Amino acid sequence: MLISNAYAQAAASAGGFDIMQFLPIILMFVALYYLMIRPQQKKAKEHKALLEALSKGDEVVTNSGIAGRITRVGDEFVTVEIAENTEIRMQKGAVVVVLPKGSLKNL
């Protein structure tokens, strides 16, 4: 008698769980995954495959911009010939691109 019916119904529904309140947040996380996280994982997977496929004679470019030909491949390091009788050792992860054969004709 003291509380109107409409007020009592509003108070009863306020205590319940409504999935529609969380739908925008869930959609933002889904969009974040497909726009940012998934492409990065795909790129990392491709780079890992590139590093595992390195072999002697491959022509590569490193992340510092050094171009050369691989002369030795180890578990964690590769030896790259950057000029005649000039070789450097670097981590495999520093290799960014494998060039087509014959790209470095002056080596």
PDB file of N, CA and C in Angstrom:
ATOM      1  N   MET A   1       0.813  -1.189   0.000  1.00  0.00           N
ATOM      2  CA  MET A   1       0.000   0.000   0.000  1.00  0.00           C
ATOM      3  C   MET A   1       0.861   1.259   0.000  1.00  0.00           C
ATOM      4  N   LEU A   2       1.993   1.216   0.666  1.00  0.00           N
ATOM      5  CA  LEU A   2       2.822   2.411   0.701  1.00  0.00           C
ATOM      6  C   LEU A   2       3.734   2.514  -0.522  1.00  0.00           C
ATOM      7  N   ILE A   3       4.027   1.381  -1.154  1.00  0.00           N
ATOM      8  CA  ILE A   3       4.910   1.381  -2.326  1.00  0.00           C
ATOM      9  C   ILE A   3       4.059   1.074  -3.552  1.00  0.00           C
ATOM     10  N   SER A   4       4.243   1.872  -4.591  1.00  0.00           N
ATOM     11  CA  SER A   4       3.464   1.627  -5.802  1.00  0.00           C
ATOM     12  C   SER A   4       3.993   0.376  -6.512  1.00  0.00           C
ATOM     13  N   ASN A   5       3.164  -0.223  -7.328  1.00  0.00           N
ATOM     14  CA  ASN A   5       3.535  -1.435  -8.036  1.00  0.00           C
ATOM     15  C   ASN A   5       4.710  -1.207  -8.984  1.00  0.00           C
ATOM     16  N   ALA A   6       4.736  -0.117  -9.696  1.00  0.00           N
ATOM     17  CA  ALA A   6       5.805   0.162 -10.651  1.00  0.00           C
ATOM     18  C   ALA A   6       7.136   0.278  -9.932  1.00  0.00           C
ATOM     19  N   TYR A   7       7.175   0.898  -8.795  1.00  0.00           N
ATOM     20  CA  TYR A   7       8.414   1.060  -8.035  1.00  0.00           C
ATOM     21  C   TYR A   7       8.899  -0.295  -7.529  1.00  0.00           C
ATOM     22  N   ALA A   8       8.002  -1.115  -7.100  1.00  0.00           N
ATOM     23  CA  ALA A   8       8.375  -2.431  -6.598  1.00  0.00           C
ATOM     24  C   ALA A   8       8.933  -3.287  -7.728  1.00  0.00           C
ATOM     25  N   GLN A   9       8.379  -3.196  -8.902  1.00  0.00           N
ATOM     26  CA  GLN A   9       8.888  -3.970 -10.026  1.00  0.00           C
ATOM     27  C   GLN A   9      10.270  -3.486 -10.454  1.00  0.00           C
ATOM     28  N   ALA A  10      10.512  -2.204 -10.443  1.00  0.00           N
ATOM     29  CA  ALA A  10      11.809  -1.660 -10.816  1.00  0.00           C
ATOM     30  C   ALA A  10      12.872  -2.084  -9.813  1.00  0.00           C
ATOM     31  N   ALA A  11      12.537  -2.103  -8.554  1.00  0.00           N
ATOM     32  CA  ALA A  11      13.489  -2.516  -7.533  1.00  0.00           C
ATOM     33  C   ALA A  11      13.805  -3.999  -7.654  1.00  0.00           C
ATOM     34  N   ALA A  12      12.841  -4.804  -8.034  1.00  0.00           N
ATOM     35  CA  ALA A  12      13.070  -6.237  -8.168  1.00  0.00           C
ATOM     36  C   ALA A  12      13.950  -6.534  -9.372  1.00  0.00           C
ATOM     37  N   SER A  13      13.773  -5.811 -10.484  1.00  0.00           N
ATOM     38  CA  SER A  13      14.574  -6.093 -11.673  1.00  0.00           C
ATOM     39  C   SER A  13      15.985  -5.508 -11.557  1.00  0.00           C
ATOM     40  N   ALA A  14      16.222  -4.528 -10.706  1.00  0.00           N
ATOM     41  CA  ALA A  14      17.538  -3.924 -10.548  1.00  0.00           C
ATOM     42  C   ALA A  14      18.513  -4.896  -9.906  1.00  0.00           C
ATOM     43  N   GLY A  15      18.049  -5.810  -9.129  1.00  0.00           N
ATOM     44  CA  GLY A  15      18.939  -6.766  -8.472  1.00  0.00           C
ATOM     45  C   GLY A  15      19.318  -7.938  -9.350  1.00  0.00           C
ATOM     46  N   GLY A  16      18.698  -8.122 -10.489  1.00  0.00           N
ATOM     47  CA  GLY A  16      18.973  -9.255 -11.364  1.00  0.00           C
ATOM     48  C   GLY A  16      20.185  -9.010 -12.255  1.00  0.00           C
ATOM     49  N   PHE A  17      20.659 -10.071 -12.909  1.00  0.00           N
ATOM     50  CA  PHE A  17      21.802  -9.998 -13.810  1.00  0.00           C
ATOM     51  C   PHE A  17      21.307  -9.779 -15.230  1.00  0.00           C
ATOM     52  N   ASP A  18      21.830  -8.779 -15.902  1.00  0.00           N
ATOM     53  CA  ASP A  18      21.425  -8.474 -17.265  1.00  0.00           C
ATOM     54  C   ASP A  18      22.655  -8.517 -18.167  1.00  0.00           C
ATOM     55  N   ILE A  19      22.694  -9.488 -19.068  1.00  0.00           N
ATOM     56  CA  ILE A  19      23.837  -9.670 -19.963  1.00  0.00           C
ATOM     57  C   ILE A  19      23.999  -8.499 -20.927  1.00  0.00           C
ATOM     58  N   MET A  20      22.949  -7.805 -21.224  1.00  0.00           N
ATOM     59  CA  MET A  20      22.999  -6.691 -22.161  1.00  0.00           C
ATOM     60  C   MET A  20      23.882  -5.550 -21.650  1.00  0.00           C
ATOM     61  N   GLN A  21      24.065  -5.451 -20.343  1.00  0.00           N
ATOM     62  CA  GLN A  21      24.934  -4.418 -19.797  1.00  0.00           C
ATOM     63  C   GLN A  21      26.394  -4.703 -20.131  1.00  0.00           C
ATOM     64  N   PHE A  22      26.777  -5.967 -20.255  1.00  0.00           N
ATOM     65  CA  PHE A  22      28.157  -6.339 -20.500  1.00  0.00           C
ATOM     66  C   PHE A  22      28.460  -6.592 -21.978  1.00  0.00           C
ATOM     67  N   LEU A  23      27.455  -6.579 -22.821  1.00  0.00           N
ATOM     68  CA  LEU A  23      27.633  -6.858 -24.235  1.00  0.00           C
ATOM     69  C   LEU A  23      28.607  -5.893 -24.922  1.00  0.00           C
ATOM     70  N   PRO A  24      28.553  -4.585 -24.705  1.00  0.00           N
ATOM     71  CA  PRO A  24      29.529  -3.686 -25.341  1.00  0.00           C
ATOM     72  C   PRO A  24      30.973  -3.984 -24.921  1.00  0.00           C
ATOM     73  N   ILE A  25      31.187  -4.322 -23.678  1.00  0.00           N
ATOM     74  CA  ILE A  25      32.538  -4.632 -23.208  1.00  0.00           C
ATOM     75  C   ILE A  25      33.039  -5.921 -23.853  1.00  0.00           C
ATOM     76  N   ILE A  26      32.180  -6.915 -23.949  1.00  0.00           N
ATOM     77  CA  ILE A  26      32.546  -8.184 -24.578  1.00  0.00           C
ATOM     78  C   ILE A  26      32.868  -7.966 -26.051  1.00  0.00           C
ATOM     79  N   LEU A  27      32.070  -7.159 -26.727  1.00  0.00           N
ATOM     80  CA  LEU A  27      32.322  -6.869 -28.139  1.00  0.00           C
ATOM     81  C   LEU A  27      33.634  -6.118 -28.340  1.00  0.00           C
ATOM     82  N   MET A  28      34.007  -5.237 -27.428  1.00  0.00           N
ATOM     83  CA  MET A  28      35.273  -4.521 -27.525  1.00  0.00           C
ATOM     84  C   MET A  28      36.449  -5.486 -27.398  1.00  0.00           C
ATOM     85  N   PHE A  29      36.367  -6.453 -26.482  1.00  0.00           N
ATOM     86  CA  PHE A  29      37.444  -7.429 -26.329  1.00  0.00           C
ATOM     87  C   PHE A  29      37.562  -8.333 -27.553  1.00  0.00           C
ATOM     88  N   VAL A  30      36.450  -8.706 -28.149  1.00  0.00           N
ATOM     89  CA  VAL A  30      36.472  -9.527 -29.361  1.00  0.00           C
ATOM     90  C   VAL A  30      37.121  -8.742 -30.506  1.00  0.00           C
ATOM     91  N   ALA A  31      36.741  -7.484 -30.664  1.00  0.00           N
ATOM     92  CA  ALA A  31      37.325  -6.651 -31.712  1.00  0.00           C
ATOM     93  C   ALA A  31      38.820  -6.443 -31.469  1.00  0.00           C
ATOM     94  N   LEU A  32      39.227  -6.231 -30.239  1.00  0.00           N
ATOM     95  CA  LEU A  32      40.639  -6.065 -29.892  1.00  0.00           C
ATOM     96  C   LEU A  32      41.427  -7.310 -30.263  1.00  0.00           C
ATOM     97  N   TYR A  33      40.876  -8.475 -30.004  1.00  0.00           N
ATOM     98  CA  TYR A  33      41.557  -9.725 -30.330  1.00  0.00           C
ATOM     99  C   TYR A  33      41.763  -9.858 -31.836  1.00  0.00           C
ATOM    100  N   TYR A  34      40.710  -9.627 -32.625  1.00  0.00           N
ATOM    101  CA  TYR A  34      40.813  -9.819 -34.062  1.00  0.00           C
ATOM    102  C   TYR A  34      41.580  -8.711 -34.773  1.00  0.00           C
ATOM    103  N   LEU A  35      41.651  -7.527 -34.212  1.00  0.00           N
ATOM    104  CA  LEU A  35      42.345  -6.426 -34.867  1.00  0.00           C
ATOM    105  C   LEU A  35      43.793  -6.273 -34.429  1.00  0.00           C
ATOM    106  N   MET A  36      44.147  -6.728 -33.221  1.00  0.00           N
ATOM    107  CA  MET A  36      45.501  -6.495 -32.718  1.00  0.00           C
ATOM    108  C   MET A  36      46.243  -7.774 -32.346  1.00  0.00           C
ATOM    109  N   ILE A  37      45.658  -8.612 -31.567  1.00  0.00           N
ATOM    110  CA  ILE A  37      46.369  -9.765 -31.012  1.00  0.00           C
ATOM    111  C   ILE A  37      46.571 -10.849 -32.062  1.00  0.00           C
ATOM    112  N   ARG A  38      45.547 -11.201 -32.780  1.00  0.00           N
ATOM    113  CA  ARG A  38      45.635 -12.292 -33.759  1.00  0.00           C
ATOM    114  C   ARG A  38      46.627 -12.002 -34.886  1.00  0.00           C
ATOM    115  N   PRO A  39      46.655 -10.799 -35.479  1.00  0.00           N
ATOM    116  CA  PRO A  39      47.666 -10.532 -36.514  1.00  0.00           C
ATOM    117  C   PRO A  39      49.097 -10.603 -35.985  1.00  0.00           C
ATOM    118  N   GLN A  40      49.323 -10.161 -34.740  1.00  0.00           N
ATOM    119  CA  GLN A  40      50.664 -10.233 -34.162  1.00  0.00           C
ATOM    120  C   GLN A  40      51.094 -11.682 -33.963  1.00  0.00           C
ATOM    121  N   GLN A  41      50.186 -12.532 -33.529  1.00  0.00           N
ATOM    122  CA  GLN A  41      50.512 -13.944 -33.348  1.00  0.00           C
ATOM    123  C   GLN A  41      50.838 -14.587 -34.693  1.00  0.00           C
ATOM    124  N   LYS A  42      50.101 -14.232 -35.727  1.00  0.00           N
ATOM    125  CA  LYS A  42      50.344 -14.782 -37.057  1.00  0.00           C
ATOM    126  C   LYS A  42      51.709 -14.340 -37.577  1.00  0.00           C
ATOM    127  N   LYS A  43      52.055 -13.077 -37.372  1.00  0.00           N
ATOM    128  CA  LYS A  43      53.340 -12.559 -37.822  1.00  0.00           C
ATOM    129  C   LYS A  43      54.489 -13.228 -37.074  1.00  0.00           C
ATOM    130  N   ALA A  44      54.344 -13.447 -35.772  1.00  0.00           N
ATOM    131  CA  ALA A  44      55.380 -14.117 -34.984  1.00  0.00           C
ATOM    132  C   ALA A  44      55.565 -15.558 -35.442  1.00  0.00           C
ATOM    133  N   LYS A  45      54.478 -16.227 -35.778  1.00  0.00           N
ATOM    134  CA  LYS A  45      54.540 -17.608 -36.253  1.00  0.00           C
ATOM    135  C   LYS A  45      55.275 -17.679 -37.592  1.00  0.00           C
ATOM    136  N   GLU A  46      55.001 -16.741 -38.496  1.00  0.00           N
ATOM    137  CA  GLU A  46      55.672 -16.706 -39.787  1.00  0.00           C
ATOM    138  C   GLU A  46      57.170 -16.437 -39.622  1.00  0.00           C
ATOM    139  N   HIS A  47      57.542 -15.528 -38.707  1.00  0.00           N
ATOM    140  CA  HIS A  47      58.953 -15.212 -38.473  1.00  0.00           C
ATOM    141  C   HIS A  47      59.686 -16.418 -37.894  1.00  0.00           C
ATOM    142  N   LYS A  48      59.032 -17.144 -37.004  1.00  0.00           N
ATOM    143  CA  LYS A  48      59.639 -18.347 -36.427  1.00  0.00           C
ATOM    144  C   LYS A  48      59.888 -19.393 -37.516  1.00  0.00           C
ATOM    145  N   ALA A  49      58.954 -19.559 -38.430  1.00  0.00           N
ATOM    146  CA  ALA A  49      59.127 -20.502 -39.539  1.00  0.00           C
ATOM    147  C   ALA A  49      60.268 -20.061 -40.450  1.00  0.00           C
ATOM    148  N   LEU A  50      60.398 -18.753 -40.684  1.00  0.00           N
ATOM    149  CA  LEU A  50      61.483 -18.222 -41.497  1.00  0.00           C
ATOM    150  C   LEU A  50      62.825 -18.539 -40.859  1.00  0.00           C
ATOM    151  N   LEU A  51      62.939 -18.361 -39.540  1.00  0.00           N
ATOM    152  CA  LEU A  51      64.198 -18.615 -38.841  1.00  0.00           C
ATOM    153  C   LEU A  51      64.558 -20.090 -38.842  1.00  0.00           C
ATOM    154  N   GLU A  52      63.574 -20.960 -38.732  1.00  0.00           N
ATOM    155  CA  GLU A  52      63.841 -22.394 -38.740  1.00  0.00           C
ATOM    156  C   GLU A  52      64.278 -22.881 -40.120  1.00  0.00           C
ATOM    157  N   ALA A  53      63.886 -22.173 -41.176  1.00  0.00           N
ATOM    158  CA  ALA A  53      64.208 -22.586 -42.534  1.00  0.00           C
ATOM    159  C   ALA A  53      65.528 -22.003 -43.044  1.00  0.00           C
ATOM    160  N   LEU A  54      66.239 -21.220 -42.229  1.00  0.00           N
ATOM    161  CA  LEU A  54      67.509 -20.639 -42.672  1.00  0.00           C
ATOM    162  C   LEU A  54      68.513 -21.736 -42.971  1.00  0.00           C
ATOM    163  N   SER A  55      69.266 -21.553 -44.054  1.00  0.00           N
ATOM    164  CA  SER A  55      70.290 -22.525 -44.402  1.00  0.00           C
ATOM    165  C   SER A  55      71.488 -21.801 -45.009  1.00  0.00           C
ATOM    166  N   LYS A  56      72.587 -22.528 -45.126  1.00  0.00           N
ATOM    167  CA  LYS A  56      73.813 -21.969 -45.679  1.00  0.00           C
ATOM    168  C   LYS A  56      73.562 -21.531 -47.116  1.00  0.00           C
ATOM    169  N   GLY A  57      74.036 -20.341 -47.464  1.00  0.00           N
ATOM    170  CA  GLY A  57      73.867 -19.812 -48.813  1.00  0.00           C
ATOM    171  C   GLY A  57      72.696 -18.870 -48.971  1.00  0.00           C
ATOM    172  N   ASP A  58      71.806 -18.813 -47.991  1.00  0.00           N
ATOM    173  CA  ASP A  58      70.678 -17.883 -48.066  1.00  0.00           C
ATOM    174  C   ASP A  58      71.179 -16.447 -47.975  1.00  0.00           C
ATOM    175  N   GLU A  59      70.581 -15.574 -48.753  1.00  0.00           N
ATOM    176  CA  GLU A  59      70.896 -14.154 -48.699  1.00  0.00           C
ATOM    177  C   GLU A  59      69.843 -13.476 -47.837  1.00  0.00           C
ATOM    178  N   VAL A  60      70.306 -12.762 -46.821  1.00  0.00           N
ATOM    179  CA  VAL A  60      69.394 -12.222 -45.815  1.00  0.00           C
ATOM    180  C   VAL A  60      69.657 -10.745 -45.560  1.00  0.00           C
ATOM    181  N   VAL A  61      68.665 -10.101 -44.953  1.00  0.00           N
ATOM    182  CA  VAL A  61      68.790  -8.745 -44.432  1.00  0.00           C
ATOM    183  C   VAL A  61      68.428  -8.809 -42.961  1.00  0.00           C
ATOM    184  N   THR A  62      69.235  -8.157 -42.123  1.00  0.00           N
ATOM    185  CA  THR A  62      68.990  -8.169 -40.679  1.00  0.00           C
ATOM    186  C   THR A  62      68.154  -6.965 -40.280  1.00  0.00           C
ATOM    187  N   ASN A  63      67.732  -6.940 -39.018  1.00  0.00           N
ATOM    188  CA  ASN A  63      66.919  -5.816 -38.551  1.00  0.00           C
ATOM    189  C   ASN A  63      67.725  -4.522 -38.451  1.00  0.00           C
ATOM    190  N   SER A  64      69.053  -4.610 -38.510  1.00  0.00           N
ATOM    191  CA  SER A  64      69.872  -3.395 -38.505  1.00  0.00           C
ATOM    192  C   SER A  64      70.190  -2.927 -39.923  1.00  0.00           C
ATOM    193  N   GLY A  65      69.713  -3.658 -40.934  1.00  0.00           N
ATOM    194  CA  GLY A  65      69.896  -3.250 -42.316  1.00  0.00           C
ATOM    195  C   GLY A  65      71.116  -3.860 -42.986  1.00  0.00           C
ATOM    196  N   ILE A  66      71.802  -4.763 -42.323  1.00  0.00           N
ATOM    197  CA  ILE A  66      72.971  -5.407 -42.908  1.00  0.00           C
ATOM    198  C   ILE A  66      72.504  -6.534 -43.830  1.00  0.00           C
ATOM    199  N   ALA A  67      73.022  -6.513 -45.056  1.00  0.00           N
ATOM    200  CA  ALA A  67      72.681  -7.557 -46.022  1.00  0.00           C
ATOM    201  C   ALA A  67      73.900  -8.442 -46.224  1.00  0.00           C
ATOM    202  N   GLY A  68      73.665  -9.737 -46.317  1.00  0.00           N
ATOM    203  CA  GLY A  68      74.781 -10.651 -46.511  1.00  0.00           C
ATOM    204  C   GLY A  68      74.299 -12.051 -46.817  1.00  0.00           C
ATOM    205  N   ARG A  69      75.291 -12.954 -46.936  1.00  0.00           N
ATOM    206  CA  ARG A  69      75.014 -14.354 -47.256  1.00  0.00           C
ATOM    207  C   ARG A  69      75.385 -15.205 -46.048  1.00  0.00           C
ATOM    208  N   ILE A  70      74.529 -16.121 -45.675  1.00  0.00           N
ATOM    209  CA  ILE A  70      74.773 -16.988 -44.522  1.00  0.00           C
ATOM    210  C   ILE A  70      75.835 -18.013 -44.886  1.00  0.00           C
ATOM    211  N   THR A  71      76.860 -18.130 -44.009  1.00  0.00           N
ATOM    212  CA  THR A  71      77.912 -19.119 -44.229  1.00  0.00           C
ATOM    213  C   THR A  71      77.827 -20.274 -43.246  1.00  0.00           C
ATOM    214  N   ARG A  72      77.305 -20.022 -42.055  1.00  0.00           N
ATOM    215  CA  ARG A  72      77.134 -21.077 -41.055  1.00  0.00           C
ATOM    216  C   ARG A  72      75.852 -20.828 -40.271  1.00  0.00           C
ATOM    217  N   VAL A  73      75.175 -21.922 -39.932  1.00  0.00           N
ATOM    218  CA  VAL A  73      73.941 -21.825 -39.153  1.00  0.00           C
ATOM    219  C   VAL A  73      74.100 -22.678 -37.910  1.00  0.00           C
ATOM    220  N   GLY A  74      73.876 -22.059 -36.744  1.00  0.00           N
ATOM    221  CA  GLY A  74      73.902 -22.781 -35.477  1.00  0.00           C
ATOM    222  C   GLY A  74      72.516 -22.813 -34.868  1.00  0.00           C
ATOM    223  N   ASP A  75      72.449 -23.250 -33.610  1.00  0.00           N
ATOM    224  CA  ASP A  75      71.156 -23.304 -32.937  1.00  0.00           C
ATOM    225  C   ASP A  75      70.598 -21.918 -32.660  1.00  0.00           C
ATOM    226  N   GLU A  76      71.459 -21.022 -32.167  1.00  0.00           N
ATOM    227  CA  GLU A  76      71.005 -19.678 -31.813  1.00  0.00           C
ATOM    228  C   GLU A  76      71.645 -18.580 -32.646  1.00  0.00           C
ATOM    229  N   PHE A  77      72.786 -18.881 -33.289  1.00  0.00           N
ATOM    230  CA  PHE A  77      73.527 -17.865 -34.030  1.00  0.00           C
ATOM    231  C   PHE A  77      73.730 -18.288 -35.476  1.00  0.00           C
ATOM    232  N   VAL A  78      73.870 -17.291 -36.344  1.00  0.00           N
ATOM    233  CA  VAL A  78      74.228 -17.512 -37.738  1.00  0.00           C
ATOM    234  C   VAL A  78      75.457 -16.654 -38.045  1.00  0.00           C
ATOM    235  N   THR A  79      76.277 -17.118 -38.961  1.00  0.00           N
ATOM    236  CA  THR A  79      77.419 -16.345 -39.426  1.00  0.00           C
ATOM    237  C   THR A  79      77.067 -15.820 -40.812  1.00  0.00           C
ATOM    238  N   VAL A  80      77.198 -14.501 -40.970  1.00  0.00           N
ATOM    239  CA  VAL A  80      76.799 -13.839 -42.212  1.00  0.00           C
ATOM    240  C   VAL A  80      78.027 -13.177 -42.826  1.00  0.00           C
ATOM    241  N   GLU A  81      78.276 -13.479 -44.091  1.00  0.00           N
ATOM    242  CA  GLU A  81      79.365 -12.837 -44.827  1.00  0.00           C
ATOM    243  C   GLU A  81      78.807 -11.551 -45.440  1.00  0.00           C
ATOM    244  N   ILE A  82      79.357 -10.409 -44.998  1.00  0.00           N
ATOM    245  CA  ILE A  82      78.840  -9.122 -45.466  1.00  0.00           C
ATOM    246  C   ILE A  82      79.727  -8.511 -46.542  1.00  0.00           C
ATOM    247  N   ALA A  83      80.967  -8.981 -46.644  1.00  0.00           N
ATOM    248  CA  ALA A  83      81.893  -8.573 -47.694  1.00  0.00           C
ATOM    249  C   ALA A  83      82.892  -9.715 -47.855  1.00  0.00           C
ATOM    250  N   GLU A  84      83.743  -9.605 -48.848  1.00  0.00           N
ATOM    251  CA  GLU A  84      84.715 -10.664 -49.069  1.00  0.00           C
ATOM    252  C   GLU A  84      85.638 -10.774 -47.859  1.00  0.00           C
ATOM    253  N   ASN A  85      85.738 -11.962 -47.299  1.00  0.00           N
ATOM    254  CA  ASN A  85      86.552 -12.268 -46.110  1.00  0.00           C
ATOM    255  C   ASN A  85      86.115 -11.481 -44.875  1.00  0.00           C
ATOM    256  N   THR A  86      84.881 -11.036 -44.819  1.00  0.00           N
ATOM    257  CA  THR A  86      84.348 -10.335 -43.650  1.00  0.00           C
ATOM    258  C   THR A  86      83.066 -11.029 -43.214  1.00  0.00           C
ATOM    259  N   GLU A  87      83.134 -11.682 -42.062  1.00  0.00           N
ATOM    260  CA  GLU A  87      81.974 -12.404 -41.538  1.00  0.00           C
ATOM    261  C   GLU A  87      81.629 -11.875 -40.157  1.00  0.00           C
ATOM    262  N   ILE A  88      80.356 -11.848 -39.866  1.00  0.00           N
ATOM    263  CA  ILE A  88      79.901 -11.455 -38.532  1.00  0.00           C
ATOM    264  C   ILE A  88      78.966 -12.537 -38.007  1.00  0.00           C
ATOM    265  N   ARG A  89      78.967 -12.692 -36.697  1.00  0.00           N
ATOM    266  CA  ARG A  89      78.054 -13.636 -36.047  1.00  0.00           C
ATOM    267  C   ARG A  89      76.933 -12.846 -35.413  1.00  0.00           C
ATOM    268  N   MET A  90      75.732 -13.314 -35.600  1.00  0.00           N
ATOM    269  CA  MET A  90      74.589 -12.629 -34.996  1.00  0.00           C
ATOM    270  C   MET A  90      73.520 -13.638 -34.622  1.00  0.00           C
ATOM    271  N   GLN A  91      72.611 -13.196 -33.783  1.00  0.00           N
ATOM    272  CA  GLN A  91      71.514 -14.060 -33.370  1.00  0.00           C
ATOM    273  C   GLN A  91      70.579 -14.299 -34.547  1.00  0.00           C
ATOM    274  N   LYS A  92      69.972 -15.484 -34.541  1.00  0.00           N
ATOM    275  CA  LYS A  92      69.037 -15.811 -35.615  1.00  0.00           C
ATOM    276  C   LYS A  92      67.863 -14.838 -35.658  1.00  0.00           C
ATOM    277  N   GLY A  93      67.420 -14.393 -34.495  1.00  0.00           N
ATOM    278  CA  GLY A  93      66.273 -13.494 -34.429  1.00  0.00           C
ATOM    279  C   GLY A  93      66.497 -12.159 -35.111  1.00  0.00           C
ATOM    280  N   ALA A  94      67.775 -11.823 -35.397  1.00  0.00           N
ATOM    281  CA  ALA A  94      68.075 -10.559 -36.062  1.00  0.00           C
ATOM    282  C   ALA A  94      67.777 -10.609 -37.551  1.00  0.00           C
ATOM    283  N   VAL A  95      67.609 -11.796 -38.102  1.00  0.00           N
ATOM    284  CA  VAL A  95      67.291 -11.927 -39.531  1.00  0.00           C
ATOM    285  C   VAL A  95      65.820 -11.587 -39.733  1.00  0.00           C
ATOM    286  N   VAL A  96      65.574 -10.670 -40.658  1.00  0.00           N
ATOM    287  CA  VAL A  96      64.213 -10.212 -40.896  1.00  0.00           C
ATOM    288  C   VAL A  96      63.667 -10.726 -42.222  1.00  0.00           C
ATOM    289  N   VAL A  97      64.500 -10.702 -43.261  1.00  0.00           N
ATOM    290  CA  VAL A  97      64.043 -11.053 -44.595  1.00  0.00           C
ATOM    291  C   VAL A  97      65.055 -11.987 -45.246  1.00  0.00           C
ATOM    292  N   VAL A  98      64.557 -13.001 -45.929  1.00  0.00           N
ATOM    293  CA  VAL A  98      65.396 -13.837 -46.778  1.00  0.00           C
ATOM    294  C   VAL A  98      65.167 -13.362 -48.215  1.00  0.00           C
ATOM    295  N   LEU A  99      66.256 -12.925 -48.847  1.00  0.00           N
ATOM    296  CA  LEU A  99      66.172 -12.391 -50.203  1.00  0.00           C
ATOM    297  C   LEU A  99      66.192 -13.525 -51.231  1.00  0.00           C
ATOM    298  N   PRO A 100      65.681 -13.271 -52.427  1.00  0.00           N
ATOM    299  CA  PRO A 100      65.786 -14.275 -53.496  1.00  0.00           C
ATOM    300  C   PRO A 100      67.253 -14.512 -53.869  1.00  0.00           C
ATOM    301  N   LYS A 101      67.567 -15.716 -54.294  1.00  0.00           N
ATOM    302  CA  LYS A 101      68.945 -16.044 -54.688  1.00  0.00           C
ATOM    303  C   LYS A 101      69.412 -15.107 -55.795  1.00  0.00           C
ATOM    304  N   GLY A 102      70.667 -14.648 -55.667  1.00  0.00           N
ATOM    305  CA  GLY A 102      71.248 -13.756 -56.663  1.00  0.00           C
ATOM    306  C   GLY A 102      71.001 -12.289 -56.406  1.00  0.00           C
ATOM    307  N   SER A 103      70.362 -11.947 -55.310  1.00  0.00           N
ATOM    308  CA  SER A 103      70.108 -10.536 -55.020  1.00  0.00           C
ATOM    309  C   SER A 103      71.371  -9.787 -54.661  1.00  0.00           C
ATOM    310  N   LEU A 104      72.318 -10.470 -54.048  1.00  0.00           N
ATOM    311  CA  LEU A 104      73.576  -9.855 -53.645  1.00  0.00           C
ATOM    312  C   LEU A 104      74.683 -10.368 -54.559  1.00  0.00           C
ATOM    313  N   LYS A 105      74.804  -9.794 -55.719  1.00  0.00           N
ATOM    314  CA  LYS A 105      75.773 -10.291 -56.700  1.00  0.00           C
ATOM    315  C   LYS A 105      77.197  -9.890 -56.362  1.00  0.00           C
ATOM    316  N   ASN A 106      77.412  -8.826 -55.611  1.00  0.00           N
ATOM    317  CA  ASN A 106      78.758  -8.334 -55.356  1.00  0.00           C
ATOM    318  C   ASN A 106      79.451  -9.083 -54.208  1.00  0.00           C
ATOM    319  N   LEU A 107      78.803 -10.033 -53.571  1.00  0.00           N
ATOM    320  CA  LEU A 107      79.464 -10.793 -52.496  1.00  0.00           C
ATOM    321  C   LEU A 107      80.172 -12.003 -53.053  1.00  0.00           C
TER     322      LEU A 107
END
